[in-house]
Amino acid sequence: MNNAKIWLVVKPGVGIPMLLAAVAIASLVVHVGIVVNTDWVANYHQGVPMQ
């Protein structure tokens, strides 16, 4: 493991949940950004056929 020394500074009990939370938040932000900034996603969710 290339970055194994990080666990000498940050305990895995703290670091792993923080990493997973950061990934989940980033994913949520990207998905919200796509839904807000495109018009075809809302139409798709309403069942409008793609043209």
N, C-alpha and C. Protein backbone atom coordinates (compact mmCIF):
# COMPACT_ATOMS: atom_id res chain seq x y z
N MET A 1 0.85 -1.18 0.00
CA MET A 1 0.00 0.00 0.00
C MET A 1 0.89 1.23 0.00
N ASN A 2 0.66 2.11 -0.92
CA ASN A 2 1.52 3.26 -1.13
C ASN A 2 1.40 4.31 -0.03
N ASN A 3 0.21 4.53 0.48
CA ASN A 3 -0.03 5.58 1.47
C ASN A 3 -0.35 4.99 2.85
N ALA A 4 0.32 3.93 3.20
CA ALA A 4 0.02 3.25 4.46
C ALA A 4 0.36 4.11 5.67
N LYS A 5 1.31 5.04 5.55
CA LYS A 5 1.72 5.85 6.69
C LYS A 5 0.65 6.86 7.11
N ILE A 6 -0.35 7.11 6.28
CA ILE A 6 -1.42 8.04 6.65
C ILE A 6 -2.13 7.56 7.91
N TRP A 7 -2.20 6.23 8.10
CA TRP A 7 -2.92 5.69 9.25
C TRP A 7 -2.13 5.85 10.54
N LEU A 8 -0.87 6.30 10.46
CA LEU A 8 -0.12 6.65 11.65
C LEU A 8 -0.54 8.03 12.17
N VAL A 9 -1.10 8.85 11.27
CA VAL A 9 -1.53 10.20 11.62
C VAL A 9 -3.02 10.24 11.91
N VAL A 10 -3.80 9.58 11.06
CA VAL A 10 -5.25 9.56 11.18
C VAL A 10 -5.68 8.13 11.50
N LYS A 11 -6.45 8.00 12.56
CA LYS A 11 -6.92 6.67 12.94
C LYS A 11 -7.93 6.16 11.90
N PRO A 12 -7.89 4.88 11.55
CA PRO A 12 -8.83 4.34 10.56
C PRO A 12 -10.29 4.50 10.99
N GLY A 13 -10.55 4.50 12.28
CA GLY A 13 -11.92 4.67 12.77
C GLY A 13 -12.49 6.05 12.46
N VAL A 14 -11.62 7.00 12.20
CA VAL A 14 -12.04 8.35 11.85
C VAL A 14 -11.88 8.58 10.35
N GLY A 15 -10.76 8.14 9.79
CA GLY A 15 -10.43 8.42 8.40
C GLY A 15 -11.33 7.72 7.40
N ILE A 16 -11.66 6.47 7.64
CA ILE A 16 -12.48 5.73 6.68
C ILE A 16 -13.90 6.30 6.59
N PRO A 17 -14.59 6.58 7.71
CA PRO A 17 -15.91 7.21 7.59
C PRO A 17 -15.85 8.59 6.93
N MET A 18 -14.79 9.35 7.20
CA MET A 18 -14.66 10.67 6.56
C MET A 18 -14.46 10.52 5.06
N LEU A 19 -13.67 9.55 4.64
CA LEU A 19 -13.46 9.30 3.21
C LEU A 19 -14.77 8.90 2.54
N LEU A 20 -15.50 7.99 3.15
CA LEU A 20 -16.76 7.54 2.58
C LEU A 20 -17.79 8.67 2.54
N ALA A 21 -17.82 9.50 3.56
CA ALA A 21 -18.73 10.64 3.57
C ALA A 21 -18.36 11.63 2.48
N ALA A 22 -17.08 11.87 2.28
CA ALA A 22 -16.65 12.80 1.23
C ALA A 22 -17.04 12.29 -0.15
N VAL A 23 -16.89 11.00 -0.38
CA VAL A 23 -17.28 10.42 -1.67
C VAL A 23 -18.79 10.53 -1.86
N ALA A 24 -19.56 10.25 -0.83
CA ALA A 24 -21.02 10.34 -0.93
C ALA A 24 -21.48 11.77 -1.19
N ILE A 25 -20.88 12.73 -0.50
CA ILE A 25 -21.26 14.14 -0.70
C ILE A 25 -20.88 14.61 -2.10
N ALA A 26 -19.69 14.24 -2.56
CA ALA A 26 -19.27 14.63 -3.92
C ALA A 26 -20.21 14.04 -4.96
N SER A 27 -20.60 12.79 -4.79
CA SER A 27 -21.53 12.16 -5.72
C SER A 27 -22.88 12.86 -5.72
N LEU A 28 -23.37 13.20 -4.55
CA LEU A 28 -24.64 13.90 -4.44
C LEU A 28 -24.58 15.26 -5.13
N VAL A 29 -23.49 15.99 -4.92
CA VAL A 29 -23.34 17.31 -5.54
C VAL A 29 -23.32 17.19 -7.06
N VAL A 30 -22.61 16.21 -7.59
CA VAL A 30 -22.56 16.01 -9.04
C VAL A 30 -23.95 15.67 -9.58
N HIS A 31 -24.66 14.77 -8.92
CA HIS A 31 -25.97 14.38 -9.41
C HIS A 31 -26.97 15.54 -9.35
N VAL A 32 -26.95 16.30 -8.28
CA VAL A 32 -27.83 17.46 -8.18
C VAL A 32 -27.49 18.47 -9.27
N GLY A 33 -26.21 18.67 -9.52
CA GLY A 33 -25.80 19.59 -10.58
C GLY A 33 -26.29 19.16 -11.95
N ILE A 34 -26.26 17.87 -12.22
CA ILE A 34 -26.76 17.36 -13.51
C ILE A 34 -28.26 17.57 -13.62
N VAL A 35 -29.00 17.25 -12.56
CA VAL A 35 -30.45 17.39 -12.60
C VAL A 35 -30.87 18.85 -12.74
N VAL A 36 -30.18 19.74 -12.07
CA VAL A 36 -30.54 21.16 -12.08
C VAL A 36 -30.18 21.82 -13.42
N ASN A 37 -29.07 21.44 -14.01
CA ASN A 37 -28.55 22.15 -15.17
C ASN A 37 -28.90 21.52 -16.51
N THR A 38 -29.69 20.48 -16.53
CA THR A 38 -30.12 19.89 -17.80
C THR A 38 -31.64 19.83 -17.82
N ASP A 39 -32.20 19.96 -19.01
CA ASP A 39 -33.66 19.89 -19.10
C ASP A 39 -34.16 18.49 -19.45
N TRP A 40 -33.29 17.67 -20.03
CA TRP A 40 -33.76 16.36 -20.46
C TRP A 40 -33.92 15.38 -19.30
N VAL A 41 -33.22 15.58 -18.17
CA VAL A 41 -33.33 14.65 -17.06
C VAL A 41 -34.73 14.71 -16.44
N ALA A 42 -35.25 15.92 -16.26
CA ALA A 42 -36.60 16.06 -15.70
C ALA A 42 -37.62 15.44 -16.65
N ASN A 43 -37.47 15.66 -17.93
CA ASN A 43 -38.38 15.05 -18.91
C ASN A 43 -38.29 13.53 -18.86
N TYR A 44 -37.09 13.01 -18.75
CA TYR A 44 -36.89 11.57 -18.67
C TYR A 44 -37.60 10.99 -17.44
N HIS A 45 -37.48 11.66 -16.31
CA HIS A 45 -38.13 11.18 -15.09
C HIS A 45 -39.65 11.27 -15.18
N GLN A 46 -40.17 12.16 -16.03
CA GLN A 46 -41.62 12.28 -16.23
C GLN A 46 -42.14 11.29 -17.26
N GLY A 47 -41.23 10.56 -17.92
CA GLY A 47 -41.66 9.56 -18.90
C GLY A 47 -41.78 10.09 -20.32
N VAL A 48 -41.27 11.28 -20.57
CA VAL A 48 -41.32 11.84 -21.92
C VAL A 48 -40.29 11.09 -22.77
N PRO A 49 -40.70 10.58 -23.94
CA PRO A 49 -39.74 9.84 -24.77
C PRO A 49 -38.64 10.77 -25.32
N MET A 50 -37.45 10.22 -25.46
CA MET A 50 -36.33 10.98 -26.01
C MET A 50 -36.54 11.15 -27.51
N GLN A 51 -36.08 12.27 -28.03
CA GLN A 51 -36.28 12.54 -29.46
C GLN A 51 -35.01 12.28 -30.23
